[in-house]
C-alpha atoms as a PDB file:
ATOM      1  CA  GLN A   1     -54.108  41.109 -27.960  1.00  0.00           C
ATOM      2  CA  VAL A   2     -52.678  39.145 -25.028  1.00  0.00           C
ATOM      3  CA  GLN A   3     -52.089  40.662 -21.612  1.00  0.00           C
ATOM      4  CA  LEU A   4     -50.053  38.641 -19.123  1.00  0.00           C
ATOM      5  CA  VAL A   5     -49.956  39.222 -15.372  1.00  0.00           C
ATOM      6  CA  GLU A   6     -47.554  37.369 -13.095  1.00  0.00           C
ATOM      7  CA  SER A   7     -47.964  36.718  -9.387  1.00  0.00           C
ATOM      8  CA  GLY A   8     -46.454  34.588  -6.645  1.00  0.00           C
ATOM      9  CA  GLY A   9     -42.956  35.979  -6.370  1.00  0.00           C
ATOM     10  CA  GLY A  10     -41.240  36.986  -3.188  1.00  0.00           C
ATOM     11  CA  LEU A  11     -38.287  36.578  -0.870  1.00  0.00           C
ATOM     12  CA  VAL A  12     -37.326  33.073   0.223  1.00  0.00           C
ATOM     13  CA  GLN A  13     -34.326  31.249   1.587  1.00  0.00           C
ATOM     14  CA  ALA A  14     -32.205  28.798  -0.336  1.00  0.00           C
ATOM     15  CA  GLY A  15     -33.886  25.419  -0.522  1.00  0.00           C
ATOM     16  CA  ASP A  16     -37.395  26.854  -0.337  1.00  0.00           C
ATOM     17  CA  SER A  17     -40.099  26.701  -2.983  1.00  0.00           C
ATOM     18  CA  LEU A  18     -42.245  29.213  -4.813  1.00  0.00           C
ATOM     19  CA  ARG A  19     -44.997  28.930  -7.370  1.00  0.00           C
ATOM     20  CA  LEU A  20     -45.406  31.653  -9.930  1.00  0.00           C
ATOM     21  CA  SER A  21     -48.643  32.151 -11.812  1.00  0.00           C
ATOM     22  CA  CYS A  22     -49.293  33.915 -15.077  1.00  0.00           C
ATOM     23  CA  VAL A  23     -52.835  34.787 -16.063  1.00  0.00           C
ATOM     24  CA  ALA A  24     -53.643  35.742 -19.632  1.00  0.00           C
ATOM     25  CA  SER A  25     -56.463  38.110 -20.404  1.00  0.00           C
ATOM     26  CA  GLY A  26     -59.301  37.755 -22.847  1.00  0.00           C
ATOM     27  CA  ARG A  27     -59.963  35.191 -25.501  1.00  0.00           C
ATOM     28  CA  THR A  28     -56.719  35.637 -27.406  1.00  0.00           C
ATOM     29  CA  PHE A  29     -54.909  33.228 -25.089  1.00  0.00           C
ATOM     30  CA  SER A  30     -56.206  30.362 -27.193  1.00  0.00           C
ATOM     31  CA  GLY A  31     -53.485  28.616 -29.177  1.00  0.00           C
ATOM     32  CA  TYR A  32     -50.507  30.329 -27.540  1.00  0.00           C
ATOM     33  CA  ALA A  33     -47.428  28.627 -26.279  1.00  0.00           C
ATOM     34  CA  MET A  34     -46.267  30.047 -22.959  1.00  0.00           C
ATOM     35  CA  GLY A  35     -42.958  30.381 -21.242  1.00  0.00           C
ATOM     36  CA  TRP A  36     -40.942  31.905 -18.462  1.00  0.00           C
ATOM     37  CA  PHE A  37     -37.795  33.983 -18.697  1.00  0.00           C
ATOM     38  CA  ARG A  38     -35.737  35.612 -16.005  1.00  0.00           C
ATOM     39  CA  GLN A  39     -33.247  38.417 -15.669  1.00  0.00           C
ATOM     40  CA  ALA A  40     -30.725  38.712 -12.867  1.00  0.00           C
ATOM     41  CA  PRO A  41     -29.175  42.072 -11.954  1.00  0.00           C
ATOM     42  CA  GLY A  42     -26.531  43.023 -14.478  1.00  0.00           C
ATOM     43  CA  LYS A  43     -27.301  40.070 -16.744  1.00  0.00           C
ATOM     44  CA  GLU A  44     -29.253  39.505 -19.933  1.00  0.00           C
ATOM     45  CA  ARG A  45     -32.712  38.048 -19.913  1.00  0.00           C
ATOM     46  CA  GLU A  46     -32.578  34.273 -20.271  1.00  0.00           C
ATOM     47  CA  PHE A  47     -34.923  31.440 -21.108  1.00  0.00           C
ATOM     48  CA  VAL A  48     -36.168  29.342 -18.221  1.00  0.00           C
ATOM     49  CA  THR A  49     -38.918  27.081 -19.534  1.00  0.00           C
ATOM     50  CA  ALA A  50     -41.753  26.830 -22.037  1.00  0.00           C
ATOM     51  CA  ILE A  51     -44.851  24.786 -22.756  1.00  0.00           C
ATOM     52  CA  PRO A  52     -46.964  24.603 -25.924  1.00  0.00           C
ATOM     53  CA  TRP A  53     -50.703  25.155 -26.077  1.00  0.00           C
ATOM     54  CA  SER A  54     -51.262  21.405 -25.982  1.00  0.00           C
ATOM     55  CA  GLY A  55     -49.300  21.035 -22.760  1.00  0.00           C
ATOM     56  CA  ASP A  56     -47.949  17.707 -23.988  1.00  0.00           C
ATOM     57  CA  THR A  57     -44.277  18.632 -23.786  1.00  0.00           C
ATOM     58  CA  THR A  58     -41.983  21.041 -21.981  1.00  0.00           C
ATOM     59  CA  ASN A  59     -38.509  22.482 -22.249  1.00  0.00           C
ATOM     60  CA  TYR A  60     -36.179  23.703 -19.503  1.00  0.00           C
ATOM     61  CA  ARG A  61     -32.801  25.303 -19.364  1.00  0.00           C
ATOM     62  CA  ASP A  62     -30.279  22.889 -17.929  1.00  0.00           C
ATOM     63  CA  SER A  63     -29.746  24.762 -14.675  1.00  0.00           C
ATOM     64  CA  VAL A  64     -33.376  24.330 -13.573  1.00  0.00           C
ATOM     65  CA  LYS A  65     -34.074  20.794 -14.760  1.00  0.00           C
ATOM     66  CA  GLY A  66     -35.288  18.630 -11.926  1.00  0.00           C
ATOM     67  CA  ARG A  67     -36.143  21.665  -9.804  1.00  0.00           C
ATOM     68  CA  PHE A  68     -38.648  23.697 -11.830  1.00  0.00           C
ATOM     69  CA  THR A  69     -41.898  22.529 -13.394  1.00  0.00           C
ATOM     70  CA  ILE A  70     -44.031  24.446 -15.859  1.00  0.00           C
ATOM     71  CA  SER A  71     -47.693  23.600 -16.271  1.00  0.00           C
ATOM     72  CA  ARG A  72     -50.822  25.190 -17.648  1.00  0.00           C
ATOM     73  CA  VAL A  73     -54.551  25.090 -17.132  1.00  0.00           C
ATOM     74  CA  ASN A  74     -56.046  26.500 -20.272  1.00  0.00           C
ATOM     75  CA  ALA A  75     -59.544  26.633 -18.812  1.00  0.00           C
ATOM     76  CA  LYS A  76     -58.179  29.158 -16.297  1.00  0.00           C
ATOM     77  CA  ASN A  77     -56.009  31.000 -18.826  1.00  0.00           C
ATOM     78  CA  THR A  78     -53.135  30.316 -16.461  1.00  0.00           C
ATOM     79  CA  VAL A  79     -49.570  29.057 -16.639  1.00  0.00           C
ATOM     80  CA  TYR A  80     -47.628  28.074 -13.543  1.00  0.00           C
ATOM     81  CA  LEU A  81     -43.988  27.767 -12.650  1.00  0.00           C
ATOM     82  CA  GLN A  82     -43.313  25.581  -9.640  1.00  0.00           C
ATOM     83  CA  MET A  83     -39.815  26.269  -8.347  1.00  0.00           C
ATOM     84  CA  ASN A  84     -38.309  23.901  -5.805  1.00  0.00           C
ATOM     85  CA  SER A  85     -34.902  23.753  -4.156  1.00  0.00           C
ATOM     86  CA  LEU A  86     -34.327  27.388  -4.976  1.00  0.00           C
ATOM     87  CA  LYS A  87     -30.787  28.684  -5.103  1.00  0.00           C
ATOM     88  CA  PRO A  88     -29.432  32.219  -4.766  1.00  0.00           C
ATOM     89  CA  GLU A  89     -28.534  32.125  -8.453  1.00  0.00           C
ATOM     90  CA  ASP A  90     -32.244  31.801  -9.249  1.00  0.00           C
ATOM     91  CA  THR A  91     -32.707  35.364  -8.042  1.00  0.00           C
ATOM     92  CA  GLY A  92     -34.060  37.767 -10.623  1.00  0.00           C
ATOM     93  CA  VAL A  93     -37.117  39.216 -12.250  1.00  0.00           C
ATOM     94  CA  TYR A  94     -39.238  36.483 -13.798  1.00  0.00           C
ATOM     95  CA  TYR A  95     -41.238  37.253 -16.912  1.00  0.00           C
ATOM     96  CA  CYS A  96     -44.144  35.350 -18.350  1.00  0.00           C
ATOM     97  CA  ALA A  97     -44.180  35.219 -22.141  1.00  0.00           C
ATOM     98  CA  ALA A  98     -46.491  34.091 -24.922  1.00  0.00           C
ATOM     99  CA  ASP A  99     -46.093  33.356 -28.600  1.00  0.00           C
ATOM    100  CA  LEU A 100     -48.012  31.433 -31.209  1.00  0.00           C
ATOM    101  CA  GLN A 101     -44.811  29.566 -32.037  1.00  0.00           C
ATOM    102  CA  TYR A 102     -43.431  27.344 -29.313  1.00  0.00           C
ATOM    103  CA  ALA A 103     -40.027  27.353 -30.988  1.00  0.00           C
ATOM    104  CA  VAL A 104     -39.789  31.120 -30.618  1.00  0.00           C
ATOM    105  CA  LEU A 105     -40.047  30.785 -26.850  1.00  0.00           C
ATOM    106  CA  VAL A 106     -37.519  27.972 -26.682  1.00  0.00           C
ATOM    107  CA  THR A 107     -34.887  29.418 -28.995  1.00  0.00           C
ATOM    108  CA  THR A 108     -35.192  33.213 -28.768  1.00  0.00           C
ATOM    109  CA  THR A 109     -35.813  35.997 -26.277  1.00  0.00           C
ATOM    110  CA  THR A 110     -38.332  37.750 -28.515  1.00  0.00           C
ATOM    111  CA  PRO A 111     -41.811  36.428 -27.762  1.00  0.00           C
ATOM    112  CA  ALA A 112     -44.848  38.238 -29.080  1.00  0.00           C
ATOM    113  CA  TYR A 113     -45.984  39.170 -25.569  1.00  0.00           C
ATOM    114  CA  TRP A 114     -44.319  39.801 -22.216  1.00  0.00           C
ATOM    115  CA  GLY A 115     -45.714  40.053 -18.748  1.00  0.00           C
ATOM    116  CA  GLN A 116     -44.598  42.901 -16.513  1.00  0.00           C
ATOM    117  CA  GLY A 117     -42.195  40.747 -14.518  1.00  0.00           C
ATOM    118  CA  ILE A 118     -42.147  39.704 -10.887  1.00  0.00           C
ATOM    119  CA  GLN A 119     -39.258  39.624  -8.437  1.00  0.00           C
ATOM    120  CA  VAL A 120     -37.915  36.380  -7.019  1.00  0.00           C
ATOM    121  CA  THR A 121     -35.188  36.737  -4.420  1.00  0.00           C
ATOM    122  CA  VAL A 122     -33.432  33.743  -2.892  1.00  0.00           C
ATOM    123  CA  SER A 123     -31.195  34.413   0.078  1.00  0.00           C
ATOM    124  CA  SER A 124     -28.402  32.194   1.359  1.00  0.00           C
END
């Protein structure tokens, strides 16, 4: 019902910035909370940030607070992740996610829909 496609990843140096985009397909995007997760090599997938349909609040894992910003433009069916002051430990595959329940994104790693993932590599 919801197809998510990420873009904007790449290879950067520590301290640089990247902006990831996630575009949802079709009309089923309406009403969905959105989020970002990431998975580093050899580690479990972890929550990064989420935003509800309304866009009136956000949630971030502690390690990215003050550096990452999630936003959405519902008219474009798009969610963004602005990543500043990137660190090598931010390296991993970043996944866009969607769920009708915002709390599911914030508290679990089992959203209704996943994007395919996009690589972010931060070198020293």
